[in-house]
Every structure is written in structure tokens, then in C-alpha cells.
């Protein structure tokens, strides 16, 4: 049983390390207000 716990802790640590060093991964949760600004999509160009 203790091997499962140790394995989970190691796996969770590696996953958090990969997420934190992955670049643009935001672990802050949902954003509201000024932080939730999205750029509008460009309209399709007609030929």
C-alpha cells in the first residue's frame, strides 16, 4: 500500500514540475473581469 502512495507522490510531483515549466500554463483558475479579455477572431476574407 505504501508503494502506491509513494508512486502517487512522485507522479504528482513530476506532473506539477512539467506543468510549471511548460511555458504558458496558468494554474490560477477561472479569470473574470480584465483578466478574461479575449482577442476577437478575425473575420473570414472573401475571395
PDB file of N, CA and C in Angstrom:
ATOM      1  N   UNK A   1       0.823  -1.199   0.000  1.00  0.00           N
ATOM      2  CA  UNK A   1       0.000   0.000   0.000  1.00  0.00           C
ATOM      3  C   UNK A   1       0.867   1.263   0.000  1.00  0.00           C
ATOM      4  N   UNK A   2       1.951   1.219   0.759  1.00  0.00           N
ATOM      5  CA  UNK A   2       2.813   2.396   0.837  1.00  0.00           C
ATOM      6  C   UNK A   2       3.465   2.690  -0.502  1.00  0.00           C
ATOM      7  N   UNK A   3       3.657   1.641  -1.340  1.00  0.00           N
ATOM      8  CA  UNK A   3       4.253   1.854  -2.664  1.00  0.00           C
ATOM      9  C   UNK A   3       3.319   2.660  -3.558  1.00  0.00           C
ATOM     10  N   UNK A   4       2.029   2.463  -3.412  1.00  0.00           N
ATOM     11  CA  UNK A   4       1.049   3.221  -4.185  1.00  0.00           C
ATOM     12  C   UNK A   4       1.098   4.693  -3.792  1.00  0.00           C
ATOM     13  N   UNK A   5       1.187   4.967  -2.519  1.00  0.00           N
ATOM     14  CA  UNK A   5       1.247   6.345  -2.030  1.00  0.00           C
ATOM     15  C   UNK A   5       2.527   7.022  -2.509  1.00  0.00           C
ATOM     16  N   UNK A   6       3.653   6.336  -2.400  1.00  0.00           N
ATOM     17  CA  UNK A   6       4.926   6.903  -2.852  1.00  0.00           C
ATOM     18  C   UNK A   6       4.892   7.136  -4.359  1.00  0.00           C
ATOM     19  N   UNK A   7       4.352   6.198  -5.112  1.00  0.00           N
ATOM     20  CA  UNK A   7       4.229   6.357  -6.564  1.00  0.00           C
ATOM     21  C   UNK A   7       3.352   7.536  -6.932  1.00  0.00           C
ATOM     22  N   UNK A   8       2.250   7.712  -6.221  1.00  0.00           N
ATOM     23  CA  UNK A   8       1.374   8.849  -6.490  1.00  0.00           C
ATOM     24  C   UNK A   8       2.074  10.163  -6.202  1.00  0.00           C
ATOM     25  N   UNK A   9       2.793  10.232  -5.098  1.00  0.00           N
ATOM     26  CA  UNK A   9       3.506  11.462  -4.746  1.00  0.00           C
ATOM     27  C   UNK A   9       4.558  11.793  -5.790  1.00  0.00           C
ATOM     28  N   UNK A  10       5.293  10.790  -6.244  1.00  0.00           N
ATOM     29  CA  UNK A  10       6.308  11.018  -7.277  1.00  0.00           C
ATOM     30  C   UNK A  10       5.655  11.459  -8.576  1.00  0.00           C
ATOM     31  N   UNK A  11       4.587  10.785  -8.978  1.00  0.00           N
ATOM     32  CA  UNK A  11       3.889  11.148 -10.218  1.00  0.00           C
ATOM     33  C   UNK A  11       3.311  12.555 -10.133  1.00  0.00           C
ATOM     34  N   UNK A  12       2.711  12.913  -9.004  1.00  0.00           N
ATOM     35  CA  UNK A  12       2.139  14.252  -8.837  1.00  0.00           C
ATOM     36  C   UNK A  12       3.234  15.308  -8.871  1.00  0.00           C
ATOM     37  N   UNK A  13       4.363  15.019  -8.258  1.00  0.00           N
ATOM     38  CA  UNK A  13       5.475  15.959  -8.280  1.00  0.00           C
ATOM     39  C   UNK A  13       6.006  16.165  -9.692  1.00  0.00           C
ATOM     40  N   UNK A  14       6.161  15.095 -10.440  1.00  0.00           N
ATOM     41  CA  UNK A  14       6.621  15.220 -11.825  1.00  0.00           C
ATOM     42  C   UNK A  14       5.610  15.968 -12.689  1.00  0.00           C
ATOM     43  N   UNK A  15       4.330  15.712 -12.472  1.00  0.00           N
ATOM     44  CA  UNK A  15       3.299  16.406 -13.248  1.00  0.00           C
ATOM     45  C   UNK A  15       3.302  17.901 -12.944  1.00  0.00           C
ATOM     46  N   UNK A  16       3.419  18.269 -11.688  1.00  0.00           N
ATOM     47  CA  UNK A  16       3.464  19.695 -11.333  1.00  0.00           C
ATOM     48  C   UNK A  16       4.723  20.357 -11.879  1.00  0.00           C
ATOM     49  N   UNK A  17       5.845  19.646 -11.841  1.00  0.00           N
ATOM     50  CA  UNK A  17       7.091  20.182 -12.396  1.00  0.00           C
ATOM     51  C   UNK A  17       6.927  20.435 -13.895  1.00  0.00           C
ATOM     52  N   UNK A  18       6.327  19.484 -14.615  1.00  0.00           N
ATOM     53  CA  UNK A  18       6.140  19.638 -16.057  1.00  0.00           C
ATOM     54  C   UNK A  18       5.173  20.776 -16.370  1.00  0.00           C
ATOM     55  N   UNK A  19       4.111  20.920 -15.592  1.00  0.00           N
ATOM     56  CA  UNK A  19       3.151  21.990 -15.832  1.00  0.00           C
ATOM     57  C   UNK A  19       3.744  23.367 -15.542  1.00  0.00           C
ATOM     58  N   UNK A  20       4.506  23.473 -14.477  1.00  0.00           N
ATOM     59  CA  UNK A  20       5.082  24.768 -14.116  1.00  0.00           C
ATOM     60  C   UNK A  20       6.172  25.204 -15.092  1.00  0.00           C
ATOM     61  N   UNK A  21       6.896  24.260 -15.657  1.00  0.00           N
ATOM     62  CA  UNK A  21       7.982  24.583 -16.584  1.00  0.00           C
ATOM     63  C   UNK A  21       7.537  24.512 -18.036  1.00  0.00           C
ATOM     64  N   UNK A  22       6.257  24.282 -18.267  1.00  0.00           N
ATOM     65  CA  UNK A  22       5.749  24.091 -19.615  1.00  0.00           C
ATOM     66  C   UNK A  22       5.555  25.367 -20.411  1.00  0.00           C
ATOM     67  N   UNK A  23       5.702  26.510 -19.823  1.00  0.00           N
ATOM     68  CA  UNK A  23       5.524  27.749 -20.576  1.00  0.00           C
ATOM     69  C   UNK A  23       4.274  28.473 -20.157  1.00  0.00           C
ATOM     70  N   UNK A  24       3.286  28.527 -21.037  1.00  0.00           N
ATOM     71  CA  UNK A  24       2.098  29.339 -20.806  1.00  0.00           C
ATOM     72  C   UNK A  24       0.969  28.553 -20.145  1.00  0.00           C
ATOM     73  N   UNK A  25       1.280  27.830 -19.102  1.00  0.00           N
ATOM     74  CA  UNK A  25       0.258  27.106 -18.358  1.00  0.00           C
ATOM     75  C   UNK A  25      -0.125  27.954 -17.158  1.00  0.00           C
ATOM     76  N   UNK A  26      -1.400  28.307 -17.062  1.00  0.00           N
ATOM     77  CA  UNK A  26      -1.879  29.157 -15.975  1.00  0.00           C
ATOM     78  C   UNK A  26      -2.636  28.293 -14.974  1.00  0.00           C
ATOM     79  N   UNK A  27      -2.084  28.155 -13.791  1.00  0.00           N
ATOM     80  CA  UNK A  27      -2.714  27.338 -12.753  1.00  0.00           C
ATOM     81  C   UNK A  27      -3.562  28.195 -11.816  1.00  0.00           C
ATOM     82  N   UNK A  28      -3.964  29.393 -12.278  1.00  0.00           N
ATOM     83  CA  UNK A  28      -4.685  30.321 -11.426  1.00  0.00           C
ATOM     84  C   UNK A  28      -6.185  30.118 -11.367  1.00  0.00           C
ATOM     85  N   UNK A  29      -6.731  29.225 -12.148  1.00  0.00           N
ATOM     86  CA  UNK A  29      -8.174  29.019 -12.129  1.00  0.00           C
ATOM     87  C   UNK A  29      -8.895  29.924 -13.105  1.00  0.00           C
ATOM     88  N   UNK A  30     -10.203  30.080 -12.903  1.00  0.00           N
ATOM     89  CA  UNK A  30     -11.003  30.900 -13.808  1.00  0.00           C
ATOM     90  C   UNK A  30     -10.643  32.372 -13.665  1.00  0.00           C
ATOM     91  N   UNK A  31     -10.740  33.087 -14.776  1.00  0.00           N
ATOM     92  CA  UNK A  31     -10.457  34.521 -14.763  1.00  0.00           C
ATOM     93  C   UNK A  31     -11.742  35.285 -15.031  1.00  0.00           C
ATOM     94  N   UNK A  32     -11.912  36.388 -14.330  1.00  0.00           N
ATOM     95  CA  UNK A  32     -13.081  37.241 -14.503  1.00  0.00           C
ATOM     96  C   UNK A  32     -12.605  38.682 -14.610  1.00  0.00           C
ATOM     97  N   UNK A  33     -13.370  39.490 -15.281  1.00  0.00           N
ATOM     98  CA  UNK A  33     -13.038  40.906 -15.375  1.00  0.00           C
ATOM     99  C   UNK A  33     -11.960  41.173 -16.407  1.00  0.00           C
ATOM    100  N   UNK A  34     -10.995  42.028 -16.058  1.00  0.00           N
ATOM    101  CA  UNK A  34      -9.960  42.453 -17.002  1.00  0.00           C
ATOM    102  C   UNK A  34      -9.036  41.308 -17.392  1.00  0.00           C
ATOM    103  N   UNK A  35      -8.884  40.307 -16.535  1.00  0.00           N
ATOM    104  CA  UNK A  35      -8.007  39.181 -16.849  1.00  0.00           C
ATOM    105  C   UNK A  35      -8.601  38.262 -17.895  1.00  0.00           C
ATOM    106  N   UNK A  36      -9.909  38.349 -18.134  1.00  0.00           N
ATOM    107  CA  UNK A  36     -10.579  37.431 -19.046  1.00  0.00           C
ATOM    108  C   UNK A  36     -10.746  38.008 -20.446  1.00  0.00           C
ATOM    109  N   UNK A  37      -9.933  38.983 -20.819  1.00  0.00           N
ATOM    110  CA  UNK A  37     -10.049  39.624 -22.124  1.00  0.00           C
ATOM    111  C   UNK A  37      -9.565  38.664 -23.202  1.00  0.00           C
ATOM    112  N   UNK A  38     -10.388  38.469 -24.208  1.00  0.00           N
ATOM    113  CA  UNK A  38     -10.036  37.605 -25.327  1.00  0.00           C
ATOM    114  C   UNK A  38      -9.990  38.450 -26.592  1.00  0.00           C
ATOM    115  N   UNK A  39      -9.040  38.160 -27.436  1.00  0.00           N
ATOM    116  CA  UNK A  39      -8.947  38.879 -28.708  1.00  0.00           C
ATOM    117  C   UNK A  39     -10.046  38.366 -29.632  1.00  0.00           C
ATOM    118  N   UNK A  40     -10.753  39.269 -30.304  1.00  0.00           N
ATOM    119  CA  UNK A  40     -11.806  38.810 -31.212  1.00  0.00           C
ATOM    120  C   UNK A  40     -11.197  38.093 -32.420  1.00  0.00           C
ATOM    121  N   UNK A  41     -11.913  37.128 -32.928  1.00  0.00           N
ATOM    122  CA  UNK A  41     -11.452  36.384 -34.096  1.00  0.00           C
ATOM    123  C   UNK A  41     -11.552  37.260 -35.332  1.00  0.00           C
ATOM    124  N   UNK A  42     -10.593  37.111 -36.220  1.00  0.00           N
ATOM    125  CA  UNK A  42     -10.623  37.895 -37.455  1.00  0.00           C
ATOM    126  C   UNK A  42     -11.692  37.328 -38.390  1.00  0.00           C
ATOM    127  N   UNK A  43     -12.461  38.201 -39.054  1.00  0.00           N
ATOM    128  CA  UNK A  43     -13.482  37.690 -39.976  1.00  0.00           C
ATOM    129  C   UNK A  43     -12.829  37.013 -41.174  1.00  0.00           C
ATOM    130  N   UNK A  44     -13.525  36.044 -41.713  1.00  0.00           N
ATOM    131  CA  UNK A  44     -13.011  35.329 -42.884  1.00  0.00           C
ATOM    132  C   UNK A  44     -12.947  36.265 -44.088  1.00  0.00           C
ATOM    133  N   UNK A  45     -11.868  36.173 -44.825  1.00  0.00           N
ATOM    134  CA  UNK A  45     -11.724  37.016 -46.010  1.00  0.00           C
ATOM    135  C   UNK A  45     -12.428  36.381 -47.198  1.00  0.00           C
ATOM    136  N   UNK A  46     -13.151  37.189 -47.936  1.00  0.00           N
ATOM    137  CA  UNK A  46     -13.859  36.691 -49.107  1.00  0.00           C
ATOM    138  C   UNK A  46     -12.929  36.758 -50.311  1.00  0.00           C
ATOM    139  N   UNK A  47     -12.922  35.725 -51.131  1.00  0.00           N
ATOM    140  CA  UNK A  47     -12.036  35.716 -52.309  1.00  0.00           C
ATOM    141  C   UNK A  47     -12.450  36.678 -53.392  1.00  0.00           C
TER     142      UNK A  47
END
